Every structure is written in structure tokens, then in C-alpha cells.
């Protein structure tokens, strides 16, 4: 088993991080906005579906 060298590990991490292509601020904001919009859209969709199922169950079982 190889011996762990913390200094070598840090050098390798820095080398890998330097290769990463980081998104610009604009790309990050656009992507964040899209995620929030899609989450809101999904929430509204499931709210409507839930209300429709609830209505159907009330009609079928005569509850409420």
C-alpha cells in the first residue's frame, strides 16, 4: 500500500482545479433562474394534479 503524502495530494488537487472550466457569473445566474422556474412549474403542475385527484375521489366516494 502506498504511503499517503499530504503535500503531494494538495499539489494534485491544485493541478486538477486549474483544469476546471468554471461558468461565468451570467451563466450561473441564468442556470439558477431556469432551475427555480422549472421547480415552480413542477410545483404548480403537481398542485393541479393533486386537486384533480382529490376532486375525483370526492365524486367517486361522496366524501366532503
PDB file of N, CA and C in Angstrom:
ATOM      1  N   UNK A   1       0.843  -1.176   0.000  1.00  0.00           N
ATOM      2  CA  UNK A   1       0.000   0.000   0.000  1.00  0.00           C
ATOM      3  C   UNK A   1       0.888   1.239   0.000  1.00  0.00           C
ATOM      4  N   UNK A   2       0.563   2.192  -0.864  1.00  0.00           N
ATOM      5  CA  UNK A   2       1.360   3.408  -0.978  1.00  0.00           C
ATOM      6  C   UNK A   2       1.160   4.299   0.240  1.00  0.00           C
ATOM      7  N   UNK A   3       2.225   5.004   0.590  1.00  0.00           N
ATOM      8  CA  UNK A   3       2.172   5.911   1.736  1.00  0.00           C
ATOM      9  C   UNK A   3       1.493   7.212   1.303  1.00  0.00           C
ATOM     10  N   UNK A   4       0.619   7.736   2.151  1.00  0.00           N
ATOM     11  CA  UNK A   4      -0.117   8.966   1.853  1.00  0.00           C
ATOM     12  C   UNK A   4       0.776  10.174   2.119  1.00  0.00           C
ATOM     13  N   UNK A   5       0.889  11.037   1.102  1.00  0.00           N
ATOM     14  CA  UNK A   5       1.703  12.256   1.211  1.00  0.00           C
ATOM     15  C   UNK A   5       0.778  13.466   1.079  1.00  0.00           C
ATOM     16  N   UNK A   6       0.485  14.165   2.198  1.00  0.00           N
ATOM     17  CA  UNK A   6      -0.445  15.303   2.140  1.00  0.00           C
ATOM     18  C   UNK A   6       0.016  16.407   1.178  1.00  0.00           C
ATOM     19  N   UNK A   7       1.296  16.694   1.121  1.00  0.00           N
ATOM     20  CA  UNK A   7       1.802  17.743   0.232  1.00  0.00           C
ATOM     21  C   UNK A   7       1.561  17.368  -1.230  1.00  0.00           C
ATOM     22  N   UNK A   8       1.818  16.135  -1.585  1.00  0.00           N
ATOM     23  CA  UNK A   8       1.580  15.653  -2.950  1.00  0.00           C
ATOM     24  C   UNK A   8       0.090  15.722  -3.282  1.00  0.00           C
ATOM     25  N   UNK A   9      -0.737  15.360  -2.318  1.00  0.00           N
ATOM     26  CA  UNK A   9      -2.182  15.407  -2.512  1.00  0.00           C
ATOM     27  C   UNK A   9      -2.625  16.838  -2.816  1.00  0.00           C
ATOM     28  N   UNK A  10      -2.157  17.805  -2.054  1.00  0.00           N
ATOM     29  CA  UNK A  10      -2.511  19.209  -2.263  1.00  0.00           C
ATOM     30  C   UNK A  10      -2.053  19.679  -3.644  1.00  0.00           C
ATOM     31  N   UNK A  11      -0.860  19.294  -4.060  1.00  0.00           N
ATOM     32  CA  UNK A  11      -0.371  19.673  -5.391  1.00  0.00           C
ATOM     33  C   UNK A  11      -1.273  19.112  -6.482  1.00  0.00           C
ATOM     34  N   UNK A  12      -1.668  17.868  -6.330  1.00  0.00           N
ATOM     35  CA  UNK A  12      -2.534  17.240  -7.328  1.00  0.00           C
ATOM     36  C   UNK A  12      -3.914  17.890  -7.362  1.00  0.00           C
ATOM     37  N   UNK A  13      -4.438  18.254  -6.193  1.00  0.00           N
ATOM     38  CA  UNK A  13      -5.741  18.919  -6.143  1.00  0.00           C
ATOM     39  C   UNK A  13      -5.661  20.269  -6.850  1.00  0.00           C
ATOM     40  N   UNK A  14      -4.623  21.042  -6.572  1.00  0.00           N
ATOM     41  CA  UNK A  14      -4.454  22.342  -7.227  1.00  0.00           C
ATOM     42  C   UNK A  14      -4.337  22.184  -8.740  1.00  0.00           C
ATOM     43  N   UNK A  15      -3.625  21.156  -9.160  1.00  0.00           N
ATOM     44  CA  UNK A  15      -3.453  20.909 -10.595  1.00  0.00           C
ATOM     45  C   UNK A  15      -4.802  20.593 -11.235  1.00  0.00           C
ATOM     46  N   UNK A  16      -5.610  19.776 -10.591  1.00  0.00           N
ATOM     47  CA  UNK A  16      -6.916  19.422 -11.138  1.00  0.00           C
ATOM     48  C   UNK A  16      -7.857  20.625 -11.153  1.00  0.00           C
ATOM     49  N   UNK A  17      -7.839  21.425 -10.096  1.00  0.00           N
ATOM     50  CA  UNK A  17      -8.711  22.594 -10.028  1.00  0.00           C
ATOM     51  C   UNK A  17      -8.349  23.595 -11.127  1.00  0.00           C
ATOM     52  N   UNK A  18      -7.078  23.688 -11.465  1.00  0.00           N
ATOM     53  CA  UNK A  18      -6.674  24.626 -12.519  1.00  0.00           C
ATOM     54  C   UNK A  18      -7.207  24.198 -13.886  1.00  0.00           C
ATOM     55  N   UNK A  19      -7.556  22.931 -14.048  1.00  0.00           N
ATOM     56  CA  UNK A  19      -8.080  22.420 -15.320  1.00  0.00           C
ATOM     57  C   UNK A  19      -9.590  22.621 -15.459  1.00  0.00           C
ATOM     58  N   UNK A  20     -10.250  22.930 -14.366  1.00  0.00           N
ATOM     59  CA  UNK A  20     -11.706  23.062 -14.375  1.00  0.00           C
ATOM     60  C   UNK A  20     -12.105  24.329 -15.123  1.00  0.00           C
ATOM     61  N   UNK A  21     -13.127  24.204 -15.955  1.00  0.00           N
ATOM     62  CA  UNK A  21     -13.679  25.366 -16.641  1.00  0.00           C
ATOM     63  C   UNK A  21     -14.871  25.853 -15.827  1.00  0.00           C
ATOM     64  N   UNK A  22     -14.696  26.968 -15.130  1.00  0.00           N
ATOM     65  CA  UNK A  22     -15.742  27.484 -14.270  1.00  0.00           C
ATOM     66  C   UNK A  22     -16.722  28.310 -15.089  1.00  0.00           C
ATOM     67  N   UNK A  23     -18.031  28.229 -14.769  1.00  0.00           N
ATOM     68  CA  UNK A  23     -19.016  29.032 -15.508  1.00  0.00           C
ATOM     69  C   UNK A  23     -18.887  30.513 -15.143  1.00  0.00           C
ATOM     70  N   UNK A  24     -19.296  31.361 -16.081  1.00  0.00           N
ATOM     71  CA  UNK A  24     -19.274  32.795 -15.808  1.00  0.00           C
ATOM     72  C   UNK A  24     -20.424  33.143 -14.858  1.00  0.00           C
ATOM     73  N   UNK A  25     -20.390  34.354 -14.352  1.00  0.00           N
ATOM     74  CA  UNK A  25     -21.452  34.804 -13.447  1.00  0.00           C
ATOM     75  C   UNK A  25     -22.797  34.790 -14.167  1.00  0.00           C
ATOM     76  N   UNK A  26     -22.800  35.229 -15.421  1.00  0.00           N
ATOM     77  CA  UNK A  26     -24.040  35.263 -16.195  1.00  0.00           C
ATOM     78  C   UNK A  26     -24.598  33.849 -16.395  1.00  0.00           C
ATOM     79  N   UNK A  27     -23.739  32.908 -16.753  1.00  0.00           N
ATOM     80  CA  UNK A  27     -24.183  31.515 -16.934  1.00  0.00           C
ATOM     81  C   UNK A  27     -24.761  30.957 -15.641  1.00  0.00           C
ATOM     82  N   UNK A  28     -24.130  31.273 -14.528  1.00  0.00           N
ATOM     83  CA  UNK A  28     -24.604  30.783 -13.238  1.00  0.00           C
ATOM     84  C   UNK A  28     -25.977  31.366 -12.913  1.00  0.00           C
ATOM     85  N   UNK A  29     -26.158  32.666 -13.150  1.00  0.00           N
ATOM     86  CA  UNK A  29     -27.440  33.300 -12.865  1.00  0.00           C
ATOM     87  C   UNK A  29     -28.541  32.768 -13.773  1.00  0.00           C
ATOM     88  N   UNK A  30     -28.243  32.572 -15.050  1.00  0.00           N
ATOM     89  CA  UNK A  30     -29.244  32.049 -15.985  1.00  0.00           C
ATOM     90  C   UNK A  30     -29.641  30.631 -15.585  1.00  0.00           C
ATOM     91  N   UNK A  31     -28.669  29.813 -15.289  1.00  0.00           N
ATOM     92  CA  UNK A  31     -28.954  28.430 -14.900  1.00  0.00           C
ATOM     93  C   UNK A  31     -29.755  28.372 -13.607  1.00  0.00           C
ATOM     94  N   UNK A  32     -29.404  29.209 -12.642  1.00  0.00           N
ATOM     95  CA  UNK A  32     -30.136  29.257 -11.384  1.00  0.00           C
ATOM     96  C   UNK A  32     -31.578  29.687 -11.626  1.00  0.00           C
ATOM     97  N   UNK A  33     -31.767  30.687 -12.465  1.00  0.00           N
ATOM     98  CA  UNK A  33     -33.117  31.140 -12.790  1.00  0.00           C
ATOM     99  C   UNK A  33     -33.942  30.046 -13.440  1.00  0.00           C
ATOM    100  N   UNK A  34     -33.331  29.296 -14.350  1.00  0.00           N
ATOM    101  CA  UNK A  34     -34.037  28.195 -15.008  1.00  0.00           C
ATOM    102  C   UNK A  34     -34.426  27.098 -14.022  1.00  0.00           C
ATOM    103  N   UNK A  35     -33.536  26.796 -13.105  1.00  0.00           N
ATOM    104  CA  UNK A  35     -33.838  25.766 -12.104  1.00  0.00           C
ATOM    105  C   UNK A  35     -35.003  26.218 -11.225  1.00  0.00           C
ATOM    106  N   UNK A  36     -34.982  27.479 -10.791  1.00  0.00           N
ATOM    107  CA  UNK A  36     -36.075  27.986  -9.966  1.00  0.00           C
ATOM    108  C   UNK A  36     -37.394  28.004 -10.734  1.00  0.00           C
ATOM    109  N   UNK A  37     -37.356  28.418 -11.997  1.00  0.00           N
ATOM    110  CA  UNK A  37     -38.575  28.450 -12.812  1.00  0.00           C
ATOM    111  C   UNK A  37     -39.138  27.045 -13.025  1.00  0.00           C
ATOM    112  N   UNK A  38     -38.281  26.100 -13.325  1.00  0.00           N
ATOM    113  CA  UNK A  38     -38.751  24.728 -13.542  1.00  0.00           C
ATOM    114  C   UNK A  38     -39.296  24.118 -12.250  1.00  0.00           C
ATOM    115  N   UNK A  39     -38.687  24.446 -11.126  1.00  0.00           N
ATOM    116  CA  UNK A  39     -39.183  23.964  -9.833  1.00  0.00           C
ATOM    117  C   UNK A  39     -40.572  24.528  -9.551  1.00  0.00           C
ATOM    118  N   UNK A  40     -40.761  25.822  -9.827  1.00  0.00           N
ATOM    119  CA  UNK A  40     -42.069  26.442  -9.622  1.00  0.00           C
ATOM    120  C   UNK A  40     -43.106  25.823 -10.557  1.00  0.00           C
ATOM    121  N   UNK A  41     -42.722  25.600 -11.796  1.00  0.00           N
ATOM    122  CA  UNK A  41     -43.633  24.982 -12.767  1.00  0.00           C
ATOM    123  C   UNK A  41     -44.032  23.568 -12.318  1.00  0.00           C
ATOM    124  N   UNK A  42     -43.084  22.808 -11.844  1.00  0.00           N
ATOM    125  CA  UNK A  42     -43.376  21.448 -11.358  1.00  0.00           C
ATOM    126  C   UNK A  42     -44.300  21.503 -10.144  1.00  0.00           C
ATOM    127  N   UNK A  43     -44.071  22.471  -9.255  1.00  0.00           N
ATOM    128  CA  UNK A  43     -44.919  22.603  -8.070  1.00  0.00           C
ATOM    129  C   UNK A  43     -46.362  22.915  -8.463  1.00  0.00           C
ATOM    130  N   UNK A  44     -46.543  23.818  -9.413  1.00  0.00           N
ATOM    131  CA  UNK A  44     -47.894  24.162  -9.874  1.00  0.00           C
ATOM    132  C   UNK A  44     -48.535  22.959 -10.562  1.00  0.00           C
ATOM    133  N   UNK A  45     -47.789  22.257 -11.383  1.00  0.00           N
ATOM    134  CA  UNK A  45     -48.322  21.073 -12.066  1.00  0.00           C
ATOM    135  C   UNK A  45     -48.820  20.036 -11.064  1.00  0.00           C
ATOM    136  N   UNK A  46     -47.995  19.725 -10.057  1.00  0.00           N
ATOM    137  CA  UNK A  46     -48.400  18.711  -9.083  1.00  0.00           C
ATOM    138  C   UNK A  46     -49.540  19.197  -8.189  1.00  0.00           C
ATOM    139  N   UNK A  47     -49.635  20.494  -7.948  1.00  0.00           N
ATOM    140  CA  UNK A  47     -50.761  21.041  -7.209  1.00  0.00           C
ATOM    141  C   UNK A  47     -52.058  20.817  -7.982  1.00  0.00           C
ATOM    142  N   UNK A  48     -52.030  21.111  -9.278  1.00  0.00           N
ATOM    143  CA  UNK A  48     -53.220  20.933 -10.116  1.00  0.00           C
ATOM    144  C   UNK A  48     -53.602  19.452 -10.199  1.00  0.00           C
ATOM    145  N   UNK A  49     -52.628  18.589 -10.411  1.00  0.00           N
ATOM    146  CA  UNK A  49     -52.911  17.146 -10.487  1.00  0.00           C
ATOM    147  C   UNK A  49     -53.484  16.645  -9.164  1.00  0.00           C
ATOM    148  N   UNK A  50     -52.919  17.098  -8.053  1.00  0.00           N
ATOM    149  CA  UNK A  50     -53.416  16.691  -6.740  1.00  0.00           C
ATOM    150  C   UNK A  50     -54.852  17.149  -6.537  1.00  0.00           C
ATOM    151  N   UNK A  51     -55.154  18.371  -6.942  1.00  0.00           N
ATOM    152  CA  UNK A  51     -56.520  18.878  -6.786  1.00  0.00           C
ATOM    153  C   UNK A  51     -57.497  18.082  -7.655  1.00  0.00           C
ATOM    154  N   UNK A  52     -57.080  17.720  -8.857  1.00  0.00           N
ATOM    155  CA  UNK A  52     -57.945  16.920  -9.729  1.00  0.00           C
ATOM    156  C   UNK A  52     -58.197  15.529  -9.148  1.00  0.00           C
ATOM    157  N   UNK A  53     -57.172  14.916  -8.596  1.00  0.00           N
ATOM    158  CA  UNK A  53     -57.344  13.596  -7.986  1.00  0.00           C
ATOM    159  C   UNK A  53     -58.251  13.701  -6.766  1.00  0.00           C
ATOM    160  N   UNK A  54     -58.078  14.760  -5.991  1.00  0.00           N
ATOM    161  CA  UNK A  54     -58.914  14.968  -4.814  1.00  0.00           C
ATOM    162  C   UNK A  54     -60.378  15.139  -5.226  1.00  0.00           C
ATOM    163  N   UNK A  55     -60.624  15.910  -6.266  1.00  0.00           N
ATOM    164  CA  UNK A  55     -61.981  16.116  -6.765  1.00  0.00           C
ATOM    165  C   UNK A  55     -62.584  14.797  -7.242  1.00  0.00           C
ATOM    166  N   UNK A  56     -61.803  14.020  -7.976  1.00  0.00           N
ATOM    167  CA  UNK A  56     -62.289  12.724  -8.471  1.00  0.00           C
ATOM    168  C   UNK A  56     -62.626  11.784  -7.319  1.00  0.00           C
ATOM    169  N   UNK A  57     -61.808  11.764  -6.287  1.00  0.00           N
ATOM    170  CA  UNK A  57     -62.074  10.886  -5.142  1.00  0.00           C
ATOM    171  C   UNK A  57     -63.334  11.320  -4.390  1.00  0.00           C
ATOM    172  N   UNK A  58     -63.522  12.631  -4.300  1.00  0.00           N
ATOM    173  CA  UNK A  58     -64.749  13.121  -3.645  1.00  0.00           C
ATOM    174  C   UNK A  58     -65.980  12.718  -4.434  1.00  0.00           C
ATOM    175  N   UNK A  59     -65.907  12.794  -5.771  1.00  0.00           N
ATOM    176  CA  UNK A  59     -67.065  12.397  -6.598  1.00  0.00           C
ATOM    177  C   UNK A  59     -67.310  10.898  -6.520  1.00  0.00           C
ATOM    178  N   UNK A  60     -66.233  10.111  -6.528  1.00  0.00           N
ATOM    179  CA  UNK A  60     -66.385   8.642  -6.513  1.00  0.00           C
ATOM    180  C   UNK A  60     -66.895   8.153  -5.164  1.00  0.00           C
ATOM    181  N   UNK A  61     -66.323   8.666  -4.069  1.00  0.00           N
ATOM    182  CA  UNK A  61     -66.663   8.169  -2.743  1.00  0.00           C
ATOM    183  C   UNK A  61     -67.695   9.021  -2.014  1.00  0.00           C
ATOM    184  N   UNK A  62     -68.058  10.166  -2.564  1.00  0.00           N
ATOM    185  CA  UNK A  62     -69.076  11.019  -1.957  1.00  0.00           C
ATOM    186  C   UNK A  62     -68.648  11.622  -0.639  1.00  0.00           C
ATOM    187  N   UNK A  63     -67.342  11.863  -0.486  1.00  0.00           N
ATOM    188  CA  UNK A  63     -66.823  12.429   0.766  1.00  0.00           C
ATOM    189  C   UNK A  63     -66.663  13.926   0.577  1.00  0.00           C
ATOM    190  N   UNK A  64     -67.039  14.692   1.602  1.00  0.00           N
ATOM    191  CA  UNK A  64     -66.820  16.144   1.583  1.00  0.00           C
ATOM    192  C   UNK A  64     -67.989  16.823   1.009  1.00  0.00           C
TER     193      UNK A  64
END
